[in-house]
Amino acid sequence: MRGCKRKWDDSLKKLIEAQQMAALKDYQRYAVRCLQEARVVADSGHKAFLVEMAHAWQKLADQEMNRKGVQLASNSELDRGD
């Protein structure tokens, strides 16, 4: 019986880790997309909003990495999309 519980626990742990990694990648992708959009908009207010959103998405990604103990590859700030 313990073997089944252990396998279940291991499977559940792997599933949770996969979901967290997917969320992390989504956050990073959203940040990049906001910066891409910021590069092409003419309105400075809209550009500033998109850059702010990119920073918010990146902050979520950083928090997820820190929570998981993932080493940050770079602590450089996001490109502001100028």
N, C-alpha and C. Protein backbone atom coordinates (compact mmCIF):
# COMPACT_ATOMS: atom_id res chain seq x y z
N MET A 1 0.82 -1.20 0.00
CA MET A 1 0.00 0.00 0.00
C MET A 1 0.86 1.26 0.00
N ARG A 2 1.97 1.22 0.73
CA ARG A 2 2.84 2.39 0.76
C ARG A 2 3.41 2.70 -0.62
N GLY A 3 3.70 1.65 -1.39
CA GLY A 3 4.23 1.84 -2.74
C GLY A 3 3.27 2.61 -3.62
N CYS A 4 1.99 2.30 -3.53
CA CYS A 4 0.98 3.00 -4.32
C CYS A 4 0.90 4.47 -3.91
N LYS A 5 0.91 4.72 -2.62
CA LYS A 5 0.84 6.10 -2.14
C LYS A 5 2.06 6.88 -2.59
N ARG A 6 3.22 6.26 -2.52
CA ARG A 6 4.44 6.95 -2.93
C ARG A 6 4.40 7.27 -4.43
N LYS A 7 3.95 6.31 -5.24
CA LYS A 7 3.84 6.55 -6.68
C LYS A 7 2.85 7.69 -6.95
N TRP A 8 1.74 7.66 -6.22
CA TRP A 8 0.73 8.71 -6.36
C TRP A 8 1.32 10.06 -5.99
N ASP A 9 2.02 10.12 -4.87
CA ASP A 9 2.64 11.37 -4.43
C ASP A 9 3.65 11.88 -5.45
N ASP A 10 4.47 10.96 -6.00
CA ASP A 10 5.46 11.35 -7.00
C ASP A 10 4.79 11.87 -8.26
N SER A 11 3.73 11.20 -8.69
CA SER A 11 3.01 11.62 -9.89
C SER A 11 2.36 12.98 -9.69
N LEU A 12 1.76 13.18 -8.53
CA LEU A 12 1.13 14.45 -8.22
C LEU A 12 2.16 15.57 -8.18
N LYS A 13 3.30 15.31 -7.59
CA LYS A 13 4.37 16.30 -7.50
C LYS A 13 4.84 16.69 -8.91
N LYS A 14 5.02 15.70 -9.79
CA LYS A 14 5.46 15.98 -11.15
C LYS A 14 4.42 16.80 -11.91
N LEU A 15 3.16 16.49 -11.70
CA LEU A 15 2.08 17.24 -12.36
C LEU A 15 2.06 18.69 -11.91
N ILE A 16 2.19 18.91 -10.62
CA ILE A 16 2.21 20.27 -10.07
C ILE A 16 3.41 21.04 -10.61
N GLU A 17 4.57 20.40 -10.64
CA GLU A 17 5.77 21.06 -11.15
C GLU A 17 5.61 21.42 -12.63
N ALA A 18 5.00 20.55 -13.41
CA ALA A 18 4.78 20.82 -14.83
C ALA A 18 3.84 22.01 -15.00
N GLN A 19 2.79 22.08 -14.19
CA GLN A 19 1.85 23.20 -14.27
C GLN A 19 2.53 24.51 -13.88
N GLN A 20 3.38 24.46 -12.86
CA GLN A 20 4.08 25.67 -12.43
C GLN A 20 5.06 26.13 -13.50
N MET A 21 5.74 25.20 -14.14
CA MET A 21 6.67 25.57 -15.20
C MET A 21 5.91 26.17 -16.38
N ALA A 22 4.75 25.61 -16.69
CA ALA A 22 3.92 26.16 -17.78
C ALA A 22 3.50 27.58 -17.44
N ALA A 23 3.10 27.83 -16.20
CA ALA A 23 2.70 29.17 -15.79
C ALA A 23 3.88 30.13 -15.92
N LEU A 24 5.05 29.69 -15.49
CA LEU A 24 6.25 30.51 -15.58
C LEU A 24 6.52 30.90 -17.04
N LYS A 25 6.45 29.94 -17.93
CA LYS A 25 6.69 30.21 -19.35
C LYS A 25 5.62 31.14 -19.91
N ASP A 26 4.38 30.96 -19.47
CA ASP A 26 3.30 31.86 -19.91
C ASP A 26 3.59 33.29 -19.47
N TYR A 27 3.97 33.48 -18.21
CA TYR A 27 4.27 34.82 -17.69
C TYR A 27 5.38 35.47 -18.51
N GLN A 28 6.43 34.69 -18.79
CA GLN A 28 7.54 35.23 -19.57
C GLN A 28 7.09 35.59 -20.99
N ARG A 29 6.27 34.75 -21.59
CA ARG A 29 5.78 34.99 -22.93
C ARG A 29 4.90 36.25 -22.96
N TYR A 30 4.07 36.44 -21.94
CA TYR A 30 3.23 37.63 -21.88
C TYR A 30 4.07 38.90 -21.76
N ALA A 31 5.14 38.82 -20.96
CA ALA A 31 6.02 39.98 -20.79
C ALA A 31 6.66 40.36 -22.13
N VAL A 32 7.15 39.36 -22.84
CA VAL A 32 7.78 39.61 -24.13
C VAL A 32 6.77 40.21 -25.11
N ARG A 33 5.57 39.66 -25.12
CA ARG A 33 4.53 40.15 -26.03
C ARG A 33 4.19 41.62 -25.75
N CYS A 34 4.10 41.97 -24.48
CA CYS A 34 3.83 43.37 -24.13
C CYS A 34 4.93 44.28 -24.66
N LEU A 35 6.18 43.85 -24.52
CA LEU A 35 7.29 44.67 -25.00
C LEU A 35 7.29 44.76 -26.53
N GLN A 36 6.94 43.68 -27.19
CA GLN A 36 6.84 43.71 -28.65
C GLN A 36 5.79 44.72 -29.09
N GLU A 37 4.66 44.70 -28.42
CA GLU A 37 3.60 45.65 -28.76
C GLU A 37 4.02 47.08 -28.44
N ALA A 38 4.74 47.27 -27.34
CA ALA A 38 5.19 48.61 -26.94
C ALA A 38 6.11 49.21 -27.99
N ARG A 39 6.87 48.38 -28.67
CA ARG A 39 7.80 48.88 -29.69
C ARG A 39 7.08 49.46 -30.91
N VAL A 40 5.87 49.03 -31.15
CA VAL A 40 5.20 49.45 -32.39
C VAL A 40 4.07 50.46 -32.19
N VAL A 41 3.65 50.70 -30.96
CA VAL A 41 2.56 51.67 -30.76
C VAL A 41 3.12 53.09 -30.77
N ALA A 42 2.34 53.97 -31.31
CA ALA A 42 2.76 55.37 -31.41
C ALA A 42 2.42 56.16 -30.15
N ASP A 43 1.31 55.84 -29.53
CA ASP A 43 0.83 56.57 -28.37
C ASP A 43 1.73 56.31 -27.16
N SER A 44 2.30 57.36 -26.60
CA SER A 44 3.24 57.20 -25.48
C SER A 44 2.55 56.66 -24.23
N GLY A 45 1.29 57.02 -24.03
CA GLY A 45 0.56 56.49 -22.87
C GLY A 45 0.33 55.00 -22.98
N HIS A 46 -0.03 54.57 -24.18
CA HIS A 46 -0.25 53.14 -24.42
C HIS A 46 1.07 52.38 -24.29
N LYS A 47 2.15 52.97 -24.82
CA LYS A 47 3.48 52.37 -24.71
C LYS A 47 3.87 52.19 -23.24
N ALA A 48 3.66 53.24 -22.45
CA ALA A 48 4.01 53.17 -21.03
C ALA A 48 3.19 52.10 -20.31
N PHE A 49 1.92 52.00 -20.66
CA PHE A 49 1.07 50.97 -20.07
C PHE A 49 1.58 49.57 -20.40
N LEU A 50 1.95 49.35 -21.67
CA LEU A 50 2.44 48.04 -22.08
C LEU A 50 3.76 47.69 -21.39
N VAL A 51 4.63 48.66 -21.24
CA VAL A 51 5.90 48.42 -20.54
C VAL A 51 5.63 48.08 -19.07
N GLU A 52 4.69 48.80 -18.47
CA GLU A 52 4.31 48.52 -17.08
C GLU A 52 3.74 47.10 -16.96
N MET A 53 2.91 46.71 -17.90
CA MET A 53 2.35 45.35 -17.89
C MET A 53 3.45 44.31 -18.06
N ALA A 54 4.42 44.59 -18.92
CA ALA A 54 5.54 43.66 -19.11
C ALA A 54 6.30 43.46 -17.81
N HIS A 55 6.51 44.55 -17.09
CA HIS A 55 7.20 44.45 -15.80
C HIS A 55 6.37 43.64 -14.80
N ALA A 56 5.07 43.81 -14.82
CA ALA A 56 4.20 43.05 -13.91
C ALA A 56 4.27 41.55 -14.24
N TRP A 57 4.21 41.21 -15.53
CA TRP A 57 4.31 39.79 -15.92
C TRP A 57 5.68 39.23 -15.55
N GLN A 58 6.72 40.02 -15.76
CA GLN A 58 8.06 39.52 -15.43
C GLN A 58 8.22 39.35 -13.92
N LYS A 59 7.60 40.23 -13.15
CA LYS A 59 7.65 40.10 -11.70
C LYS A 59 6.98 38.79 -11.26
N LEU A 60 5.85 38.46 -11.88
CA LEU A 60 5.20 37.17 -11.58
C LEU A 60 6.11 36.00 -11.95
N ALA A 61 6.77 36.10 -13.10
CA ALA A 61 7.70 35.04 -13.51
C ALA A 61 8.85 34.91 -12.52
N ASP A 62 9.40 36.04 -12.10
CA ASP A 62 10.50 36.03 -11.12
C ASP A 62 10.05 35.41 -9.80
N GLN A 63 8.86 35.77 -9.36
CA GLN A 63 8.34 35.20 -8.11
C GLN A 63 8.18 33.69 -8.23
N GLU A 64 7.71 33.24 -9.37
CA GLU A 64 7.53 31.80 -9.59
C GLU A 64 8.88 31.10 -9.60
N MET A 65 9.87 31.72 -10.24
CA MET A 65 11.21 31.12 -10.26
C MET A 65 11.79 31.07 -8.86
N ASN A 66 11.65 32.14 -8.11
CA ASN A 66 12.18 32.19 -6.75
C ASN A 66 11.48 31.18 -5.85
N ARG A 67 10.18 31.04 -6.03
CA ARG A 67 9.41 30.08 -5.23
C ARG A 67 9.87 28.66 -5.51
N LYS A 68 10.18 28.39 -6.76
CA LYS A 68 10.63 27.06 -7.16
C LYS A 68 12.12 26.87 -6.92
N GLY A 69 12.82 27.94 -6.57
CA GLY A 69 14.25 27.83 -6.35
C GLY A 69 15.05 27.78 -7.64
N VAL A 70 14.46 28.28 -8.71
CA VAL A 70 15.14 28.30 -10.00
C VAL A 70 16.10 29.47 -10.00
N GLN A 71 17.32 29.22 -10.40
CA GLN A 71 18.33 30.27 -10.46
C GLN A 71 18.01 31.21 -11.62
N LEU A 72 17.99 32.48 -11.37
CA LEU A 72 17.74 33.45 -12.43
C LEU A 72 18.96 33.50 -13.35
N ALA A 73 18.72 33.40 -14.63
CA ALA A 73 19.81 33.45 -15.60
C ALA A 73 20.41 34.84 -15.66
N SER A 74 19.55 35.84 -15.49
CA SER A 74 20.01 37.22 -15.57
C SER A 74 19.10 38.08 -14.72
N ASN A 75 19.70 38.98 -13.97
CA ASN A 75 18.91 39.90 -13.16
C ASN A 75 18.77 41.24 -13.86
N SER A 76 19.14 41.29 -15.15
CA SER A 76 19.04 42.55 -15.88
C SER A 76 17.58 42.95 -16.01
N GLU A 77 17.38 44.25 -16.08
CA GLU A 77 16.01 44.75 -16.21
C GLU A 77 15.49 44.47 -17.61
N LEU A 78 14.18 44.43 -17.71
CA LEU A 78 13.55 44.24 -19.01
C LEU A 78 13.88 45.39 -19.93
N ASP A 79 14.01 45.07 -21.19
CA ASP A 79 14.11 46.09 -22.22
C ASP A 79 12.83 46.91 -22.19
N ARG A 80 12.92 48.20 -22.16
CA ARG A 80 11.75 49.05 -21.98
C ARG A 80 10.93 49.19 -23.25
N GLY A 81 11.36 48.60 -24.35
CA GLY A 81 10.55 48.64 -25.57
C GLY A 81 10.69 49.92 -26.36
N ASP A 82 11.71 50.72 -26.05
CA ASP A 82 11.89 51.99 -26.77
C ASP A 82 12.39 51.76 -28.16
